[in-house]
Amino acid sequence: MNRENQTRQRLAAQIKDYFAAAGVASHVTSVSFEEYERRVAAKQFDLVLGSVSLSENYDPSFLFKTDNNPFGISIEDVDQTLNALALKENTSQKQLLYYELDETLKTEMPMITLYAEYNILVFDSRLKGEIIPSGTDIFYGIERWFLS
């Protein structure tokens, strides 16, 4: 992992402790961000502690699609679903495809999310009112929310 990120340093130490408690020996390698990027691109790792940001259209292709991702992931069902998603305009059709993608990734994916740095609140557009969640309480002010 890159040594400039203190949050990742702390997480790596915790993960190493969890591995040790499970009887798995591990070693954390902390390198410069440039070296970290080089090693990921060259696939020189056993485990990567990193982060990603999705674009405004929430397209996850760069993470999962064969030949697009830095991890060497190649899952034909995922590629087919991502290709279909790129062609769909209808929201309900996209929802079904995202569900299908999620189901495939749950069983076939060689990576997992261990930590989310930010609280995330996803809700239906029919939810109205004064919606001001805080970093410590995503339901802050819920008594002022309503469905339209």
Protein backbone atom coordinates (compact mmCIF):
# COMPACT_ATOMS: atom_id res chain seq x y z
CA MET A 1 0.00 0.00 0.00
CA ASN A 2 1.10 3.59 -0.33
CA ARG A 3 2.79 4.96 2.76
CA GLU A 4 1.36 8.47 2.31
CA ASN A 5 -2.14 7.33 3.33
CA GLN A 6 -2.38 7.13 7.13
CA THR A 7 -5.88 5.59 7.04
CA ARG A 8 -4.60 2.69 4.95
CA GLN A 9 -1.61 2.31 7.27
CA ARG A 10 -3.97 1.82 10.24
CA LEU A 11 -6.24 -0.53 8.28
CA ALA A 12 -3.28 -2.61 7.12
CA ALA A 13 -2.12 -3.04 10.71
CA GLN A 14 -5.62 -4.15 11.75
CA ILE A 15 -5.91 -6.59 8.84
CA LYS A 16 -2.48 -8.04 9.68
CA ASP A 17 -3.64 -8.53 13.29
CA TYR A 18 -6.85 -10.24 12.08
CA PHE A 19 -4.81 -12.57 9.87
CA ALA A 20 -2.48 -13.38 12.79
CA ALA A 21 -5.49 -14.16 15.02
CA ALA A 22 -6.67 -16.59 12.33
CA GLY A 23 -3.22 -18.21 12.17
CA VAL A 24 -2.24 -16.64 8.84
CA ALA A 25 1.20 -15.04 8.65
CA SER A 26 1.32 -11.81 6.67
CA HIS A 27 3.66 -8.94 5.89
CA VAL A 28 2.66 -5.37 5.05
CA THR A 29 4.71 -3.59 2.41
CA SER A 30 4.45 0.19 2.46
CA VAL A 31 5.81 1.98 -0.62
CA SER A 32 5.51 5.37 -2.33
CA PHE A 33 2.30 6.01 -4.27
CA GLU A 34 4.22 5.83 -7.56
CA GLU A 35 5.67 2.43 -6.62
CA TYR A 36 2.24 1.27 -5.42
CA GLU A 37 0.72 2.17 -8.82
CA ARG A 38 3.57 0.43 -10.65
CA ARG A 39 3.16 -2.78 -8.62
CA VAL A 40 -0.61 -2.85 -9.11
CA ALA A 41 -0.23 -2.30 -12.87
CA ALA A 42 2.39 -5.09 -13.02
CA LYS A 43 0.18 -7.35 -10.84
CA GLN A 44 2.98 -7.69 -8.27
CA PHE A 45 0.89 -8.29 -5.18
CA ASP A 46 -0.93 -10.93 -3.17
CA LEU A 47 -3.37 -8.50 -1.59
CA VAL A 48 -3.96 -4.80 -2.36
CA LEU A 49 -5.35 -2.24 0.04
CA GLY A 50 -6.66 0.49 -2.22
CA SER A 51 -9.67 2.59 -3.06
CA VAL A 52 -11.74 3.53 -6.08
CA SER A 53 -14.13 6.27 -7.06
CA LEU A 54 -16.94 5.67 -9.50
CA SER A 55 -17.70 8.17 -12.24
CA GLU A 56 -20.98 10.09 -12.36
CA ASN A 57 -22.62 7.34 -14.42
CA TYR A 58 -21.57 4.71 -11.81
CA ASP A 59 -20.00 2.50 -14.48
CA PRO A 60 -17.94 -0.21 -12.71
CA SER A 61 -16.39 -1.59 -15.93
CA PHE A 62 -12.88 -0.39 -15.08
CA LEU A 63 -12.95 -2.62 -11.99
CA PHE A 64 -14.41 -5.80 -13.41
CA LYS A 65 -14.30 -6.00 -17.20
CA THR A 66 -11.69 -8.27 -18.78
CA ASP A 67 -8.75 -6.27 -20.20
CA ASN A 68 -9.94 -3.07 -18.45
CA ASN A 69 -9.13 -3.87 -14.83
CA PRO A 70 -5.73 -3.83 -13.17
CA PHE A 71 -6.35 -7.08 -11.30
CA GLY A 72 -6.48 -9.57 -14.18
CA ILE A 73 -10.11 -10.41 -13.49
CA SER A 74 -11.75 -12.30 -16.34
CA ILE A 75 -15.35 -13.46 -15.78
CA GLU A 76 -17.39 -13.96 -18.96
CA ASP A 77 -20.78 -13.45 -17.27
CA VAL A 78 -19.58 -10.15 -15.82
CA ASP A 79 -18.34 -8.97 -19.23
CA GLN A 80 -21.67 -9.85 -20.84
CA THR A 81 -23.66 -8.04 -18.15
CA LEU A 82 -21.45 -4.94 -18.36
CA ASN A 83 -21.81 -4.90 -22.15
CA ALA A 84 -25.60 -5.14 -21.81
CA LEU A 85 -25.61 -2.34 -19.21
CA ALA A 86 -23.78 -0.03 -21.61
CA LEU A 87 -26.56 -0.48 -24.17
CA LYS A 88 -29.56 -0.01 -21.86
CA GLU A 89 -31.29 3.33 -21.33
CA ASN A 90 -34.28 2.05 -19.35
CA THR A 91 -33.76 2.38 -15.58
CA SER A 92 -35.73 -0.75 -14.66
CA GLN A 93 -33.76 -2.82 -17.18
CA LYS A 94 -30.51 -1.43 -15.75
CA GLN A 95 -31.65 -2.29 -12.22
CA LEU A 96 -32.18 -5.91 -13.25
CA LEU A 97 -28.75 -6.04 -14.86
CA TYR A 98 -27.08 -4.52 -11.79
CA TYR A 99 -28.83 -7.15 -9.66
CA GLU A 100 -27.52 -9.85 -12.01
CA LEU A 101 -24.02 -8.34 -11.84
CA ASP A 102 -24.18 -8.26 -8.05
CA GLU A 103 -25.22 -11.91 -7.85
CA THR A 104 -22.36 -12.98 -10.14
CA LEU A 105 -19.79 -10.89 -8.25
CA LYS A 106 -20.89 -12.35 -4.91
CA THR A 107 -19.82 -15.81 -6.02
CA GLU A 108 -17.06 -15.18 -8.56
CA MET A 109 -15.22 -12.06 -7.42
CA PRO A 110 -11.64 -12.40 -6.14
CA MET A 111 -11.89 -9.11 -4.22
CA ILE A 112 -14.02 -7.83 -1.37
CA THR A 113 -14.80 -4.52 0.26
CA LEU A 114 -13.30 -4.35 3.74
CA TYR A 115 -13.88 -0.72 4.56
CA ALA A 116 -15.96 2.24 3.36
CA GLU A 117 -14.37 5.58 4.19
CA TYR A 118 -17.55 7.58 3.77
CA ASN A 119 -21.10 6.95 4.97
CA ILE A 120 -23.39 6.40 2.02
CA LEU A 121 -27.11 7.08 1.97
CA VAL A 122 -29.04 5.91 -1.09
CA PHE A 123 -32.74 6.64 -1.31
CA ASP A 124 -35.70 6.79 -3.66
CA SER A 125 -36.36 10.09 -5.45
CA ARG A 126 -39.87 10.11 -3.90
CA LEU A 127 -38.27 10.83 -0.52
CA LYS A 128 -38.74 14.54 0.21
CA GLY A 129 -38.31 16.95 3.07
CA GLU A 130 -35.28 18.31 4.85
CA ILE A 131 -32.76 15.54 4.17
CA ILE A 132 -29.52 16.47 5.92
CA PRO A 133 -27.75 13.31 7.13
CA SER A 134 -24.60 13.82 9.17
CA GLY A 135 -21.35 11.89 9.18
CA THR A 136 -22.30 10.28 12.49
CA ASP A 137 -26.04 9.74 11.89
CA ILE A 138 -27.32 9.04 8.38
CA PHE A 139 -30.88 9.27 9.72
CA TYR A 140 -30.41 12.71 11.29
CA GLY A 141 -33.68 14.66 10.93
CA ILE A 142 -35.67 11.63 9.71
CA GLU A 143 -38.76 13.07 11.39
CA ARG A 144 -38.75 15.77 8.67
CA TRP A 145 -38.67 13.27 5.78
CA PHE A 146 -41.73 12.10 3.84
CA LEU A 147 -42.65 10.21 0.66
CA SER A 148 -44.37 12.14 -2.11
